[in-house]
C-alpha atoms as a PDB file:
ATOM      1  CA  UNK A   1     -38.422 -15.812  28.557  1.00  0.00           C
ATOM      2  CA  UNK A   2     -34.714 -15.433  27.756  1.00  0.00           C
ATOM      3  CA  UNK A   3     -33.743 -16.994  31.101  1.00  0.00           C
ATOM      4  CA  UNK A   4     -36.057 -19.964  30.445  1.00  0.00           C
ATOM      5  CA  UNK A   5     -34.571 -20.542  26.990  1.00  0.00           C
ATOM      6  CA  UNK A   6     -31.019 -20.379  28.378  1.00  0.00           C
ATOM      7  CA  UNK A   7     -31.850 -22.694  31.285  1.00  0.00           C
ATOM      8  CA  UNK A   8     -33.370 -25.207  28.871  1.00  0.00           C
ATOM      9  CA  UNK A   9     -30.297 -25.164  26.627  1.00  0.00           C
ATOM     10  CA  UNK A  10     -27.966 -25.434  29.636  1.00  0.00           C
ATOM     11  CA  UNK A  11     -29.857 -28.439  31.034  1.00  0.00           C
ATOM     12  CA  UNK A  12     -29.535 -30.206  27.693  1.00  0.00           C
ATOM     13  CA  UNK A  13     -25.814 -29.444  27.630  1.00  0.00           C
ATOM     14  CA  UNK A  14     -25.276 -30.717  31.186  1.00  0.00           C
ATOM     15  CA  UNK A  15     -27.028 -33.972  30.348  1.00  0.00           C
ATOM     16  CA  UNK A  16     -24.606 -34.512  27.474  1.00  0.00           C
ATOM     17  CA  UNK A  17     -21.627 -33.300  29.568  1.00  0.00           C
ATOM     18  CA  UNK A  18     -22.211 -34.622  33.114  1.00  0.00           C
ATOM     19  CA  UNK A  19     -18.667 -33.662  34.155  1.00  0.00           C
ATOM     20  CA  UNK A  20     -19.406 -29.948  33.652  1.00  0.00           C
ATOM     21  CA  UNK A  21     -18.660 -28.024  36.862  1.00  0.00           C
ATOM     22  CA  UNK A  22     -21.068 -25.506  38.369  1.00  0.00           C
ATOM     23  CA  UNK A  23     -18.568 -22.708  37.736  1.00  0.00           C
ATOM     24  CA  UNK A  24     -18.286 -23.598  34.053  1.00  0.00           C
ATOM     25  CA  UNK A  25     -22.062 -23.910  33.811  1.00  0.00           C
ATOM     26  CA  UNK A  26     -22.456 -20.376  35.193  1.00  0.00           C
ATOM     27  CA  UNK A  27     -20.057 -19.007  32.567  1.00  0.00           C
ATOM     28  CA  UNK A  28     -21.877 -20.882  29.781  1.00  0.00           C
ATOM     29  CA  UNK A  29     -25.278 -19.716  31.044  1.00  0.00           C
ATOM     30  CA  UNK A  30     -24.115 -16.105  31.087  1.00  0.00           C
ATOM     31  CA  UNK A  31     -22.734 -16.470  27.567  1.00  0.00           C
ATOM     32  CA  UNK A  32     -26.024 -17.970  26.402  1.00  0.00           C
ATOM     33  CA  UNK A  33     -27.957 -15.073  27.924  1.00  0.00           C
ATOM     34  CA  UNK A  34     -25.787 -12.596  26.037  1.00  0.00           C
ATOM     35  CA  UNK A  35     -26.198 -14.460  22.742  1.00  0.00           C
ATOM     36  CA  UNK A  36     -29.935 -15.152  23.081  1.00  0.00           C
ATOM     37  CA  UNK A  37     -30.574 -11.666  24.468  1.00  0.00           C
ATOM     38  CA  UNK A  38     -28.643 -10.112  21.592  1.00  0.00           C
ATOM     39  CA  UNK A  39     -31.054 -11.487  18.993  1.00  0.00           C
ATOM     40  CA  UNK A  40     -34.257  -9.598  19.999  1.00  0.00           C
ATOM     41  CA  UNK A  41     -32.201  -6.497  20.836  1.00  0.00           C
ATOM     42  CA  UNK A  42     -30.571  -6.465  17.413  1.00  0.00           C
ATOM     43  CA  UNK A  43     -33.868  -7.096  15.611  1.00  0.00           C
ATOM     44  CA  UNK A  44     -35.497  -4.251  17.541  1.00  0.00           C
ATOM     45  CA  UNK A  45     -32.617  -1.890  16.779  1.00  0.00           C
ATOM     46  CA  UNK A  46     -32.815  -2.554  13.046  1.00  0.00           C
ATOM     47  CA  UNK A  47     -36.611  -2.596  12.737  1.00  0.00           C
ATOM     48  CA  UNK A  48     -37.078   0.689  14.595  1.00  0.00           C
ATOM     49  CA  UNK A  49     -34.163   2.292  12.732  1.00  0.00           C
ATOM     50  CA  UNK A  50     -35.829   1.623   9.358  1.00  0.00           C
ATOM     51  CA  UNK A  51     -39.080   3.135  10.636  1.00  0.00           C
ATOM     52  CA  UNK A  52     -37.070   6.213  11.643  1.00  0.00           C
ATOM     53  CA  UNK A  53     -35.417   6.395   8.233  1.00  0.00           C
ATOM     54  CA  UNK A  54     -31.901   5.619   9.490  1.00  0.00           C
ATOM     55  CA  UNK A  55     -31.826   1.896   8.768  1.00  0.00           C
ATOM     56  CA  UNK A  56     -28.839   1.918   6.416  1.00  0.00           C
ATOM     57  CA  UNK A  57     -26.876   4.086   8.835  1.00  0.00           C
ATOM     58  CA  UNK A  58     -27.738   1.587  11.572  1.00  0.00           C
ATOM     59  CA  UNK A  59     -26.437  -1.327   9.504  1.00  0.00           C
ATOM     60  CA  UNK A  60     -23.230   0.579   8.736  1.00  0.00           C
ATOM     61  CA  UNK A  61     -22.660   1.556  12.377  1.00  0.00           C
ATOM     62  CA  UNK A  62     -23.340  -1.934  13.678  1.00  0.00           C
ATOM     63  CA  UNK A  63     -21.099  -3.746  11.185  1.00  0.00           C
ATOM     64  CA  UNK A  64     -18.285  -1.186  10.921  1.00  0.00           C
ATOM     65  CA  UNK A  65     -17.829  -0.751  14.666  1.00  0.00           C
ATOM     66  CA  UNK A  66     -18.206  -4.428  15.559  1.00  0.00           C
ATOM     67  CA  UNK A  67     -14.529  -5.458  15.095  1.00  0.00           C
ATOM     68  CA  UNK A  68     -13.194  -2.859  17.540  1.00  0.00           C
ATOM     69  CA  UNK A  69     -16.013  -3.609  19.986  1.00  0.00           C
ATOM     70  CA  UNK A  70     -15.441  -7.368  19.842  1.00  0.00           C
ATOM     71  CA  UNK A  71     -11.677  -7.107  20.359  1.00  0.00           C
ATOM     72  CA  UNK A  72     -11.592  -4.407  23.057  1.00  0.00           C
ATOM     73  CA  UNK A  73     -14.597  -5.641  25.074  1.00  0.00           C
ATOM     74  CA  UNK A  74     -16.490  -3.368  27.431  1.00  0.00           C
ATOM     75  CA  UNK A  75     -19.023  -3.327  30.247  1.00  0.00           C
ATOM     76  CA  UNK A  76     -22.387  -5.109  30.189  1.00  0.00           C
ATOM     77  CA  UNK A  77     -25.582  -3.712  31.647  1.00  0.00           C
ATOM     78  CA  UNK A  78     -27.174  -6.079  34.139  1.00  0.00           C
ATOM     79  CA  UNK A  79     -30.693  -6.392  32.696  1.00  0.00           C
ATOM     80  CA  UNK A  80     -31.944  -7.129  29.198  1.00  0.00           C
ATOM     81  CA  UNK A  81     -34.109  -4.000  29.271  1.00  0.00           C
ATOM     82  CA  UNK A  82     -31.133  -1.904  30.334  1.00  0.00           C
ATOM     83  CA  UNK A  83     -29.041  -3.454  27.563  1.00  0.00           C
ATOM     84  CA  UNK A  84     -31.689  -2.654  24.951  1.00  0.00           C
ATOM     85  CA  UNK A  85     -32.097   0.925  26.164  1.00  0.00           C
ATOM     86  CA  UNK A  86     -28.333   1.396  26.341  1.00  0.00           C
ATOM     87  CA  UNK A  87     -27.864   0.127  22.792  1.00  0.00           C
ATOM     88  CA  UNK A  88     -30.634   2.404  21.502  1.00  0.00           C
ATOM     89  CA  UNK A  89     -29.051   5.438  23.152  1.00  0.00           C
ATOM     90  CA  UNK A  90     -25.545   4.596  21.914  1.00  0.00           C
ATOM     91  CA  UNK A  91     -26.365   3.672  18.315  1.00  0.00           C
ATOM     92  CA  UNK A  92     -29.174   6.142  17.630  1.00  0.00           C
ATOM     93  CA  UNK A  93     -27.360   8.884  19.516  1.00  0.00           C
ATOM     94  CA  UNK A  94     -24.249   8.269  17.440  1.00  0.00           C
ATOM     95  CA  UNK A  95     -26.185   8.310  14.160  1.00  0.00           C
ATOM     96  CA  UNK A  96     -28.192  11.459  14.872  1.00  0.00           C
ATOM     97  CA  UNK A  97     -25.175  13.315  16.235  1.00  0.00           C
ATOM     98  CA  UNK A  98     -23.182  12.231  13.173  1.00  0.00           C
ATOM     99  CA  UNK A  99     -25.904  13.517  10.842  1.00  0.00           C
ATOM    100  CA  UNK A 100     -25.937  16.974  12.417  1.00  0.00           C
ATOM    101  CA  UNK A 101     -22.220  17.380  13.161  1.00  0.00           C
ATOM    102  CA  UNK A 102     -20.580  19.464  10.449  1.00  0.00           C
ATOM    103  CA  UNK A 103     -16.781  19.435  10.317  1.00  0.00           C
ATOM    104  CA  UNK A 104     -14.404  20.870   7.772  1.00  0.00           C
ATOM    105  CA  UNK A 105     -11.386  18.771   6.756  1.00  0.00           C
ATOM    106  CA  UNK A 106      -9.043  20.274   9.372  1.00  0.00           C
ATOM    107  CA  UNK A 107     -11.574  19.761  12.176  1.00  0.00           C
ATOM    108  CA  UNK A 108     -12.226  16.223  10.971  1.00  0.00           C
ATOM    109  CA  UNK A 109      -8.534  15.295  10.975  1.00  0.00           C
ATOM    110  CA  UNK A 110      -7.993  16.871  14.406  1.00  0.00           C
ATOM    111  CA  UNK A 111     -10.940  14.901  15.840  1.00  0.00           C
ATOM    112  CA  UNK A 112      -9.639  11.689  14.276  1.00  0.00           C
ATOM    113  CA  UNK A 113      -6.199  12.327  15.767  1.00  0.00           C
ATOM    114  CA  UNK A 114      -7.636  12.964  19.222  1.00  0.00           C
ATOM    115  CA  UNK A 115      -9.873   9.890  18.922  1.00  0.00           C
ATOM    116  CA  UNK A 116      -6.867   7.770  17.951  1.00  0.00           C
ATOM    117  CA  UNK A 117      -4.742   9.070  20.837  1.00  0.00           C
ATOM    118  CA  UNK A 118      -7.565   8.563  23.337  1.00  0.00           C
ATOM    119  CA  UNK A 119      -8.338   5.091  21.989  1.00  0.00           C
ATOM    120  CA  UNK A 120      -4.710   3.980  22.117  1.00  0.00           C
ATOM    121  CA  UNK A 121      -4.464   5.113  25.742  1.00  0.00           C
ATOM    122  CA  UNK A 122      -7.662   3.278  26.707  1.00  0.00           C
ATOM    123  CA  UNK A 123      -6.607   0.107  24.901  1.00  0.00           C
ATOM    124  CA  UNK A 124      -3.155   0.173  26.503  1.00  0.00           C
ATOM    125  CA  UNK A 125      -4.677   0.471  29.985  1.00  0.00           C
ATOM    126  CA  UNK A 126      -7.844  -1.634  29.784  1.00  0.00           C
ATOM    127  CA  UNK A 127      -8.220  -3.817  26.668  1.00  0.00           C
ATOM    128  CA  UNK A 128      -9.416  -6.455  26.460  1.00  0.00           C
ATOM    129  CA  UNK A 129     -12.005  -5.266  28.987  1.00  0.00           C
ATOM    130  CA  UNK A 130     -13.698  -8.423  30.235  1.00  0.00           C
ATOM    131  CA  UNK A 131     -16.426  -8.958  32.833  1.00  0.00           C
ATOM    132  CA  UNK A 132     -16.832 -10.956  36.025  1.00  0.00           C
ATOM    133  CA  UNK A 133     -19.012 -13.560  34.346  1.00  0.00           C
ATOM    134  CA  UNK A 134     -16.791 -14.050  31.313  1.00  0.00           C
ATOM    135  CA  UNK A 135     -13.206 -13.328  32.388  1.00  0.00           C
ATOM    136  CA  UNK A 136     -10.343 -13.501  29.896  1.00  0.00           C
ATOM    137  CA  UNK A 137      -7.652 -15.268  31.888  1.00  0.00           C
ATOM    138  CA  UNK A 138      -5.292 -16.583  29.216  1.00  0.00           C
ATOM    139  CA  UNK A 139      -2.294 -14.287  28.793  1.00  0.00           C
ATOM    140  CA  UNK A 140      -1.988 -15.358  25.169  1.00  0.00           C
ATOM    141  CA  UNK A 141      -5.625 -14.494  24.454  1.00  0.00           C
ATOM    142  CA  UNK A 142      -5.353 -11.174  26.286  1.00  0.00           C
ATOM    143  CA  UNK A 143      -2.229 -10.218  24.336  1.00  0.00           C
ATOM    144  CA  UNK A 144      -3.816 -11.168  21.013  1.00  0.00           C
ATOM    145  CA  UNK A 145      -7.020  -9.218  21.718  1.00  0.00           C
ATOM    146  CA  UNK A 146      -5.046  -6.175  22.837  1.00  0.00           C
ATOM    147  CA  UNK A 147      -3.063  -6.203  19.594  1.00  0.00           C
ATOM    148  CA  UNK A 148      -6.248  -6.645  17.559  1.00  0.00           C
ATOM    149  CA  UNK A 149      -7.850  -3.804  19.529  1.00  0.00           C
ATOM    150  CA  UNK A 150      -5.081  -1.486  18.342  1.00  0.00           C
ATOM    151  CA  UNK A 151      -5.405  -2.792  14.779  1.00  0.00           C
ATOM    152  CA  UNK A 152      -9.201  -2.483  14.558  1.00  0.00           C
ATOM    153  CA  UNK A 153      -9.167   0.979  16.163  1.00  0.00           C
ATOM    154  CA  UNK A 154      -6.536   2.245  13.718  1.00  0.00           C
ATOM    155  CA  UNK A 155      -8.280   0.707  10.683  1.00  0.00           C
ATOM    156  CA  UNK A 156     -11.625   2.180  11.735  1.00  0.00           C
ATOM    157  CA  UNK A 157     -10.169   5.679  11.984  1.00  0.00           C
ATOM    158  CA  UNK A 158      -8.170   5.290   8.766  1.00  0.00           C
ATOM    159  CA  UNK A 159     -11.458   4.445   7.055  1.00  0.00           C
ATOM    160  CA  UNK A 160     -13.018   7.562   8.587  1.00  0.00           C
ATOM    161  CA  UNK A 161     -10.171   9.612   7.126  1.00  0.00           C
ATOM    162  CA  UNK A 162     -10.879   8.530   3.559  1.00  0.00           C
ATOM    163  CA  UNK A 163     -14.697   8.278   3.622  1.00  0.00           C
ATOM    164  CA  UNK A 164     -16.120  11.362   1.927  1.00  0.00           C
ATOM    165  CA  UNK A 165     -19.655  11.014   3.311  1.00  0.00           C
ATOM    166  CA  UNK A 166     -19.522  13.147   6.467  1.00  0.00           C
ATOM    167  CA  UNK A 167     -22.217  11.198   8.312  1.00  0.00           C
ATOM    168  CA  UNK A 168     -20.520   7.835   7.750  1.00  0.00           C
ATOM    169  CA  UNK A 169     -17.131   9.243   8.719  1.00  0.00           C
ATOM    170  CA  UNK A 170     -18.609  10.802  11.865  1.00  0.00           C
ATOM    171  CA  UNK A 171     -20.265   7.507  12.817  1.00  0.00           C
ATOM    172  CA  UNK A 172     -16.853   5.817  12.787  1.00  0.00           C
ATOM    173  CA  UNK A 173     -15.165   8.589  14.768  1.00  0.00           C
ATOM    174  CA  UNK A 174     -17.868   9.008  17.399  1.00  0.00           C
ATOM    175  CA  UNK A 175     -18.404   5.248  17.623  1.00  0.00           C
ATOM    176  CA  UNK A 176     -14.698   4.714  18.278  1.00  0.00           C
ATOM    177  CA  UNK A 177     -14.750   7.313  21.048  1.00  0.00           C
ATOM    178  CA  UNK A 178     -17.826   5.723  22.661  1.00  0.00           C
ATOM    179  CA  UNK A 179     -16.276   2.249  22.497  1.00  0.00           C
ATOM    180  CA  UNK A 180     -13.019   3.520  24.005  1.00  0.00           C
ATOM    181  CA  UNK A 181     -14.992   5.062  26.857  1.00  0.00           C
ATOM    182  CA  UNK A 182     -16.906   1.810  27.409  1.00  0.00           C
ATOM    183  CA  UNK A 183     -13.729  -0.078  28.386  1.00  0.00           C
ATOM    184  CA  UNK A 184     -12.531   2.567  30.852  1.00  0.00           C
ATOM    185  CA  UNK A 185     -12.514   2.067  34.597  1.00  0.00           C
ATOM    186  CA  UNK A 186     -14.856   5.027  35.088  1.00  0.00           C
ATOM    187  CA  UNK A 187     -17.425   3.385  32.797  1.00  0.00           C
ATOM    188  CA  UNK A 188     -17.102   0.133  34.753  1.00  0.00           C
ATOM    189  CA  UNK A 189     -17.574   1.922  38.086  1.00  0.00           C
ATOM    190  CA  UNK A 190     -20.633   3.843  36.855  1.00  0.00           C
ATOM    191  CA  UNK A 191     -22.268   0.666  35.519  1.00  0.00           C
ATOM    192  CA  UNK A 192     -21.237  -1.416  38.563  1.00  0.00           C
ATOM    193  CA  UNK A 193     -19.098  -3.812  36.532  1.00  0.00           C
ATOM    194  CA  UNK A 194     -15.763  -5.387  37.423  1.00  0.00           C
ATOM    195  CA  UNK A 195     -12.912  -6.485  35.185  1.00  0.00           C
ATOM    196  CA  UNK A 196     -13.114 -10.277  35.209  1.00  0.00           C
ATOM    197  CA  UNK A 197      -9.367 -10.963  35.133  1.00  0.00           C
ATOM    198  CA  UNK A 198      -8.863  -8.726  38.187  1.00  0.00           C
ATOM    199  CA  UNK A 199     -11.583 -10.524  40.144  1.00  0.00           C
ATOM    200  CA  UNK A 200     -10.068 -13.871  39.180  1.00  0.00           C
ATOM    201  CA  UNK A 201      -6.587 -12.727  40.240  1.00  0.00           C
ATOM    202  CA  UNK A 202      -7.852 -11.517  43.620  1.00  0.00           C
ATOM    203  CA  UNK A 203      -9.668 -14.795  44.240  1.00  0.00           C
ATOM    204  CA  UNK A 204      -6.455 -16.735  43.642  1.00  0.00           C
ATOM    205  CA  UNK A 205      -4.268 -14.584  45.908  1.00  0.00           C
END
C-alpha cells in the first residue's frame, strides 16, 4: 500500500517536472517512502503506548530525542515491518528500562558523563550518518549537521542533568546512547546499511 501511494505521488511529480532524472526520482521515491511509512508507524507507536499506560512517556521520548536523531542521522531498516518492530523495541525498551533503572545522583552524573563522551566520539567519527538512498553530499550541509549534532546531544544531556523525574531523565540518557550507537559503523554493518556519502565518493573515483 505504501509503495503504491509513493508511486502515485512520484508519477504526478514527474508529470509536472518532466526533466527529473531517474536518479533524482529514486531519491525522491525513497524519501516519500520514509515519510509515508513514518505516519502509520508513529500512529501505531502512540496508540499502543497509551493502551500500555506509557503514552505520555512515549510522547516525551519521541519529541525530546527527535532533534539529536534528526541531526545525527542513523541507519534505516529495509522493510516497513522491520522499521515498525525496530521502533517499538527502541522506544518501548527505552521507556521500560528507564522506569525500572534506579540511579542515585552520583551514578546519574557518571552515566551522563559517559553518555556525553561516547556521543561526542560517535558524532566526530560518523555524524551526519546518511544512507545510500539519501546521501548528504554537500560539505556545508554535513558540517552544519555535525555541529548541530554536538549541540543537540549536549542540550539533551544537560536537560537530563536538571530533570528531577528519574524516568524522564533516564529516557534522555538511554535514548542518547541508543542514537549514538545507531550512527556507528558497527550498527551499519549489522543492519546492512552503507554511509551514502562514502558510496557516492567511491562511485566518483
